[in-house]
Amino acid sequence: MTTGKIFDVIVVGGGPVGSRIAYRVARAGYNIGVLEQKKSYKNPVCCTALVSQECVTHFELPREMISNSFSSARIFSPHGREIRIRRNSIQAFALQRPAFDYELAGRGDERGGGIFFGI
């Protein structure tokens, strides 16, 4: 990787946590670079984005990024027993994961950093 730029901080990994750290560090005034092994954020992801209301609020996520919301769950034990949980209010949200990664990465990038894919 040759960019000619000098970064104050390099973040390894551009998933949700790395992107959030990059954003916070960039917001503090540092020039950041993010190294991501994926070729782009359009590639399939290895896990979903099932998050709490606290996460949606904390990350200030746009509502159009939410695919679905849940107020219940079914949990299965290794022996096949099932537990059902139901609440009167929404407990979790399913996000569009590639859009989630892209949104978080863009927040750090727009503050003068850079995202480098395929590293």
N, C-alpha and C. Protein backbone atom coordinates (compact mmCIF):
# COMPACT_ATOMS: atom_id res chain seq x y z
N MET A 1 0.84 -1.17 0.00
CA MET A 1 0.00 0.00 0.00
C MET A 1 0.89 1.24 0.00
N THR A 2 0.79 2.04 -1.02
CA THR A 2 1.52 3.29 -1.09
C THR A 2 0.53 4.40 -1.41
N THR A 3 0.39 5.34 -0.49
CA THR A 3 -0.58 6.40 -0.70
C THR A 3 0.06 7.78 -0.70
N GLY A 4 1.23 7.89 -0.11
CA GLY A 4 1.85 9.20 0.03
C GLY A 4 1.32 9.97 1.21
N LYS A 5 0.31 9.44 1.88
CA LYS A 5 -0.26 10.10 3.06
C LYS A 5 0.42 9.60 4.32
N ILE A 6 0.47 10.44 5.30
CA ILE A 6 0.94 10.06 6.63
C ILE A 6 -0.27 10.13 7.56
N PHE A 7 -0.51 9.04 8.27
CA PHE A 7 -1.66 8.95 9.17
C PHE A 7 -1.19 9.04 10.61
N ASP A 8 -2.01 9.64 11.43
CA ASP A 8 -1.75 9.67 12.87
C ASP A 8 -2.05 8.30 13.49
N VAL A 9 -3.09 7.65 12.99
CA VAL A 9 -3.55 6.38 13.54
C VAL A 9 -3.95 5.46 12.39
N ILE A 10 -3.57 4.19 12.49
CA ILE A 10 -4.01 3.15 11.55
C ILE A 10 -4.91 2.19 12.33
N VAL A 11 -6.11 1.96 11.82
CA VAL A 11 -7.04 1.01 12.43
C VAL A 11 -7.05 -0.23 11.54
N VAL A 12 -6.80 -1.38 12.13
CA VAL A 12 -6.80 -2.64 11.38
C VAL A 12 -8.17 -3.29 11.54
N GLY A 13 -8.89 -3.35 10.43
CA GLY A 13 -10.23 -3.93 10.43
C GLY A 13 -11.28 -2.85 10.28
N GLY A 14 -12.05 -2.93 9.21
CA GLY A 14 -13.07 -1.92 8.95
C GLY A 14 -14.48 -2.38 9.18
N GLY A 15 -14.66 -3.38 10.06
CA GLY A 15 -16.01 -3.81 10.43
C GLY A 15 -16.64 -2.79 11.36
N PRO A 16 -17.75 -3.13 12.00
CA PRO A 16 -18.43 -2.16 12.86
C PRO A 16 -17.55 -1.57 13.96
N VAL A 17 -16.77 -2.39 14.64
CA VAL A 17 -15.96 -1.86 15.75
C VAL A 17 -14.82 -1.01 15.22
N GLY A 18 -14.08 -1.51 14.22
CA GLY A 18 -12.98 -0.73 13.66
C GLY A 18 -13.44 0.59 13.07
N SER A 19 -14.57 0.56 12.38
CA SER A 19 -15.11 1.78 11.78
C SER A 19 -15.56 2.77 12.84
N ARG A 20 -16.15 2.26 13.89
CA ARG A 20 -16.59 3.15 14.98
C ARG A 20 -15.38 3.81 15.66
N ILE A 21 -14.34 3.02 15.91
CA ILE A 21 -13.12 3.57 16.50
C ILE A 21 -12.51 4.62 15.57
N ALA A 22 -12.45 4.30 14.28
CA ALA A 22 -11.88 5.25 13.31
C ALA A 22 -12.66 6.56 13.32
N TYR A 23 -13.98 6.47 13.37
CA TYR A 23 -14.82 7.66 13.40
C TYR A 23 -14.55 8.49 14.65
N ARG A 24 -14.49 7.83 15.80
CA ARG A 24 -14.27 8.56 17.05
C ARG A 24 -12.88 9.22 17.07
N VAL A 25 -11.87 8.50 16.59
CA VAL A 25 -10.51 9.06 16.56
C VAL A 25 -10.44 10.22 15.57
N ALA A 26 -11.08 10.06 14.41
CA ALA A 26 -11.09 11.14 13.41
C ALA A 26 -11.82 12.36 13.95
N ARG A 27 -12.91 12.13 14.67
CA ARG A 27 -13.68 13.23 15.26
C ARG A 27 -12.86 13.99 16.30
N ALA A 28 -11.88 13.31 16.90
CA ALA A 28 -11.00 13.96 17.87
C ALA A 28 -9.88 14.76 17.18
N GLY A 29 -9.87 14.74 15.84
CA GLY A 29 -8.92 15.57 15.12
C GLY A 29 -7.73 14.84 14.52
N TYR A 30 -7.71 13.53 14.59
CA TYR A 30 -6.58 12.77 14.06
C TYR A 30 -6.88 12.30 12.64
N ASN A 31 -5.84 12.20 11.84
CA ASN A 31 -5.94 11.69 10.48
C ASN A 31 -5.80 10.17 10.56
N ILE A 32 -6.83 9.45 10.18
CA ILE A 32 -6.84 8.01 10.36
C ILE A 32 -6.83 7.27 9.02
N GLY A 33 -6.30 6.08 9.04
CA GLY A 33 -6.36 5.16 7.91
C GLY A 33 -6.94 3.85 8.42
N VAL A 34 -7.81 3.23 7.63
CA VAL A 34 -8.42 1.96 8.00
C VAL A 34 -7.98 0.91 6.98
N LEU A 35 -7.44 -0.20 7.48
CA LEU A 35 -7.03 -1.31 6.62
C LEU A 35 -8.08 -2.41 6.73
N GLU A 36 -8.67 -2.81 5.62
CA GLU A 36 -9.73 -3.82 5.60
C GLU A 36 -9.35 -4.91 4.61
N GLN A 37 -9.47 -6.17 5.05
CA GLN A 37 -9.10 -7.28 4.18
C GLN A 37 -10.08 -7.54 3.05
N LYS A 38 -11.37 -7.19 3.25
CA LYS A 38 -12.35 -7.39 2.18
C LYS A 38 -12.03 -6.46 1.01
N LYS A 39 -12.46 -6.87 -0.18
CA LYS A 39 -12.23 -6.07 -1.39
C LYS A 39 -13.13 -4.83 -1.44
N SER A 40 -14.31 -4.92 -0.80
CA SER A 40 -15.24 -3.79 -0.74
C SER A 40 -16.31 -4.11 0.29
N TYR A 41 -17.16 -3.14 0.59
CA TYR A 41 -18.26 -3.38 1.50
C TYR A 41 -19.45 -4.02 0.80
N LYS A 42 -19.34 -4.25 -0.49
CA LYS A 42 -20.42 -4.90 -1.23
C LYS A 42 -20.31 -6.42 -1.16
N ASN A 43 -19.17 -6.92 -0.69
CA ASN A 43 -18.98 -8.37 -0.56
C ASN A 43 -19.88 -8.93 0.53
N PRO A 44 -20.19 -10.25 0.45
CA PRO A 44 -20.99 -10.85 1.53
C PRO A 44 -20.28 -10.71 2.88
N VAL A 45 -21.07 -10.63 3.92
CA VAL A 45 -20.51 -10.48 5.27
C VAL A 45 -20.61 -11.82 6.00
N CYS A 46 -19.78 -11.97 7.03
CA CYS A 46 -19.72 -13.26 7.73
C CYS A 46 -20.72 -13.34 8.89
N CYS A 47 -21.37 -12.25 9.23
CA CYS A 47 -22.38 -12.31 10.28
C CYS A 47 -23.45 -11.25 10.02
N THR A 48 -24.57 -11.43 10.66
CA THR A 48 -25.67 -10.49 10.47
C THR A 48 -25.47 -9.28 11.37
N ALA A 49 -26.39 -8.39 11.30
CA ALA A 49 -26.37 -7.22 12.18
C ALA A 49 -27.68 -7.19 12.94
N LEU A 50 -27.78 -8.01 13.95
CA LEU A 50 -28.92 -8.03 14.85
C LEU A 50 -28.51 -7.23 16.07
N VAL A 51 -29.12 -6.08 16.26
CA VAL A 51 -28.66 -5.14 17.28
C VAL A 51 -29.82 -4.65 18.15
N SER A 52 -29.48 -4.07 19.28
CA SER A 52 -30.47 -3.53 20.22
C SER A 52 -30.85 -2.09 19.86
N GLN A 53 -31.89 -1.60 20.51
CA GLN A 53 -32.28 -0.20 20.35
C GLN A 53 -31.14 0.71 20.78
N GLU A 54 -30.43 0.31 21.82
CA GLU A 54 -29.29 1.09 22.30
C GLU A 54 -28.24 1.27 21.20
N CYS A 55 -27.99 0.23 20.43
CA CYS A 55 -27.02 0.31 19.33
C CYS A 55 -27.51 1.26 18.26
N VAL A 56 -28.78 1.16 17.88
CA VAL A 56 -29.36 2.04 16.86
C VAL A 56 -29.25 3.50 17.30
N THR A 57 -29.53 3.76 18.56
CA THR A 57 -29.46 5.11 19.10
C THR A 57 -28.02 5.59 19.22
N HIS A 58 -27.16 4.75 19.77
CA HIS A 58 -25.76 5.11 20.00
C HIS A 58 -25.03 5.42 18.69
N PHE A 59 -25.25 4.59 17.66
CA PHE A 59 -24.60 4.79 16.37
C PHE A 59 -25.33 5.81 15.50
N GLU A 60 -26.48 6.30 15.99
CA GLU A 60 -27.29 7.27 15.25
C GLU A 60 -27.56 6.78 13.83
N LEU A 61 -28.08 5.56 13.74
CA LEU A 61 -28.30 4.93 12.44
C LEU A 61 -29.58 5.42 11.78
N PRO A 62 -29.54 5.63 10.47
CA PRO A 62 -30.76 6.03 9.77
C PRO A 62 -31.78 4.89 9.79
N ARG A 63 -33.04 5.23 9.96
CA ARG A 63 -34.11 4.23 10.06
C ARG A 63 -34.23 3.37 8.80
N GLU A 64 -33.89 3.92 7.63
CA GLU A 64 -33.99 3.14 6.40
C GLU A 64 -32.98 1.99 6.35
N MET A 65 -32.03 1.97 7.24
CA MET A 65 -31.05 0.89 7.32
C MET A 65 -31.63 -0.33 8.03
N ILE A 66 -32.74 -0.17 8.74
CA ILE A 66 -33.36 -1.26 9.51
C ILE A 66 -34.24 -2.09 8.59
N SER A 67 -33.93 -3.39 8.53
CA SER A 67 -34.71 -4.31 7.70
C SER A 67 -35.94 -4.85 8.42
N ASN A 68 -35.79 -5.08 9.73
CA ASN A 68 -36.88 -5.68 10.49
C ASN A 68 -36.69 -5.39 11.97
N SER A 69 -37.75 -5.56 12.75
CA SER A 69 -37.65 -5.41 14.20
C SER A 69 -38.29 -6.63 14.85
N PHE A 70 -37.85 -6.91 16.10
CA PHE A 70 -38.29 -8.13 16.77
C PHE A 70 -38.67 -7.85 18.21
N SER A 71 -39.77 -8.47 18.63
CA SER A 71 -40.17 -8.39 20.03
C SER A 71 -40.25 -9.78 20.66
N SER A 72 -39.85 -10.79 19.91
CA SER A 72 -39.88 -12.15 20.45
C SER A 72 -38.72 -12.96 19.88
N ALA A 73 -38.47 -14.10 20.52
CA ALA A 73 -37.40 -14.98 20.07
C ALA A 73 -37.74 -16.42 20.44
N ARG A 74 -37.19 -17.35 19.67
CA ARG A 74 -37.27 -18.77 19.98
C ARG A 74 -35.84 -19.27 20.11
N ILE A 75 -35.54 -19.88 21.23
CA ILE A 75 -34.20 -20.37 21.51
C ILE A 75 -34.28 -21.89 21.61
N PHE A 76 -33.36 -22.58 20.91
CA PHE A 76 -33.34 -24.03 20.88
C PHE A 76 -32.08 -24.55 21.56
N SER A 77 -32.26 -25.53 22.45
CA SER A 77 -31.11 -26.15 23.11
C SER A 77 -30.53 -27.22 22.18
N PRO A 78 -29.33 -27.68 22.46
CA PRO A 78 -28.74 -28.76 21.65
C PRO A 78 -29.60 -30.04 21.68
N HIS A 79 -30.44 -30.21 22.69
CA HIS A 79 -31.28 -31.40 22.80
C HIS A 79 -32.67 -31.19 22.20
N GLY A 80 -32.88 -30.04 21.55
CA GLY A 80 -34.15 -29.80 20.88
C GLY A 80 -35.22 -29.12 21.71
N ARG A 81 -34.93 -28.78 22.94
CA ARG A 81 -35.92 -28.06 23.75
C ARG A 81 -36.01 -26.62 23.25
N GLU A 82 -37.20 -26.07 23.34
CA GLU A 82 -37.44 -24.73 22.83
C GLU A 82 -37.93 -23.82 23.94
N ILE A 83 -37.40 -22.60 23.96
CA ILE A 83 -37.86 -21.57 24.88
C ILE A 83 -38.34 -20.40 24.03
N ARG A 84 -39.52 -19.90 24.33
CA ARG A 84 -40.06 -18.74 23.62
C ARG A 84 -40.06 -17.55 24.55
N ILE A 85 -39.59 -16.44 24.03
CA ILE A 85 -39.56 -15.19 24.79
C ILE A 85 -40.33 -14.15 24.01
N ARG A 86 -41.23 -13.45 24.67
CA ARG A 86 -42.02 -12.40 23.99
C ARG A 86 -42.11 -11.19 24.90
N ARG A 87 -41.91 -10.02 24.34
CA ARG A 87 -42.02 -8.76 25.06
C ARG A 87 -43.08 -7.89 24.38
N ASN A 88 -43.56 -6.89 25.07
CA ASN A 88 -44.55 -5.97 24.51
C ASN A 88 -43.90 -4.87 23.67
N SER A 89 -42.60 -4.75 23.75
CA SER A 89 -41.91 -3.71 22.98
C SER A 89 -40.80 -4.35 22.15
N ILE A 90 -40.33 -3.62 21.17
CA ILE A 90 -39.26 -4.09 20.29
C ILE A 90 -37.98 -4.26 21.10
N GLN A 91 -37.32 -5.39 20.91
CA GLN A 91 -36.10 -5.71 21.64
C GLN A 91 -34.85 -5.71 20.76
N ALA A 92 -35.03 -5.91 19.45
CA ALA A 92 -33.88 -6.00 18.55
C ALA A 92 -34.27 -5.57 17.14
N PHE A 93 -33.25 -5.20 16.38
CA PHE A 93 -33.43 -4.78 14.99
C PHE A 93 -32.46 -5.55 14.11
N ALA A 94 -32.91 -5.91 12.92
CA ALA A 94 -32.03 -6.49 11.90
C ALA A 94 -31.67 -5.37 10.94
N LEU A 95 -30.38 -5.14 10.78
CA LEU A 95 -29.91 -4.08 9.89
C LEU A 95 -29.45 -4.66 8.56
N GLN A 96 -29.41 -3.84 7.57
CA GLN A 96 -28.80 -4.21 6.29
C GLN A 96 -27.29 -4.13 6.51
N ARG A 97 -26.63 -5.25 6.75
CA ARG A 97 -25.25 -5.27 7.21
C ARG A 97 -24.28 -4.57 6.27
N PRO A 98 -24.28 -4.82 4.95
CA PRO A 98 -23.34 -4.06 4.10
C PRO A 98 -23.56 -2.55 4.20
N ALA A 99 -24.81 -2.12 4.28
CA ALA A 99 -25.10 -0.70 4.43
C ALA A 99 -24.61 -0.17 5.77
N PHE A 100 -24.72 -0.98 6.81
CA PHE A 100 -24.24 -0.63 8.14
C PHE A 100 -22.73 -0.41 8.11
N ASP A 101 -21.98 -1.37 7.54
CA ASP A 101 -20.53 -1.23 7.43
C ASP A 101 -20.15 0.01 6.63
N TYR A 102 -20.83 0.21 5.50
CA TYR A 102 -20.54 1.34 4.62
C TYR A 102 -20.81 2.67 5.32
N GLU A 103 -21.90 2.74 6.04
CA GLU A 103 -22.27 3.97 6.76
C GLU A 103 -21.21 4.31 7.81
N LEU A 104 -20.81 3.33 8.61
CA LEU A 104 -19.82 3.58 9.65
C LEU A 104 -18.46 3.93 9.07
N ALA A 105 -18.07 3.23 8.02
CA ALA A 105 -16.77 3.51 7.39
C ALA A 105 -16.76 4.90 6.78
N GLY A 106 -17.84 5.30 6.18
CA GLY A 106 -17.92 6.62 5.56
C GLY A 106 -17.80 7.74 6.55
N ARG A 107 -18.26 7.52 7.76
CA ARG A 107 -18.16 8.55 8.79
C ARG A 107 -16.71 8.86 9.13
N GLY A 108 -15.87 7.84 9.20
CA GLY A 108 -14.45 8.07 9.46
C GLY A 108 -13.75 8.62 8.25
N ASP A 109 -14.10 8.12 7.08
CA ASP A 109 -13.46 8.53 5.83
C ASP A 109 -13.73 10.00 5.52
N GLU A 110 -14.95 10.47 5.80
CA GLU A 110 -15.30 11.85 5.48
C GLU A 110 -14.56 12.86 6.35
N ARG A 111 -13.94 12.39 7.40
CA ARG A 111 -13.19 13.28 8.28
C ARG A 111 -11.70 13.30 7.93
N GLY A 112 -11.36 12.93 6.70
CA GLY A 112 -9.98 13.09 6.24
C GLY A 112 -9.14 11.83 6.29
N GLY A 113 -9.76 10.72 6.60
CA GLY A 113 -8.99 9.47 6.64
C GLY A 113 -9.03 8.78 5.31
N GLY A 114 -8.75 7.52 5.32
CA GLY A 114 -8.79 6.71 4.13
C GLY A 114 -9.08 5.27 4.48
N ILE A 115 -9.83 4.59 3.62
CA ILE A 115 -10.11 3.18 3.79
C ILE A 115 -9.41 2.44 2.67
N PHE A 116 -8.66 1.43 3.04
CA PHE A 116 -7.86 0.69 2.07
C PHE A 116 -8.32 -0.77 2.10
N PHE A 117 -8.91 -1.21 1.00
CA PHE A 117 -9.48 -2.55 0.90
C PHE A 117 -8.46 -3.54 0.33
N GLY A 118 -8.69 -4.81 0.61
CA GLY A 118 -7.86 -5.87 0.09
C GLY A 118 -6.48 -5.93 0.69
N ILE A 119 -6.34 -5.44 1.93
CA ILE A 119 -5.03 -5.40 2.60
C ILE A 119 -4.87 -6.63 3.44
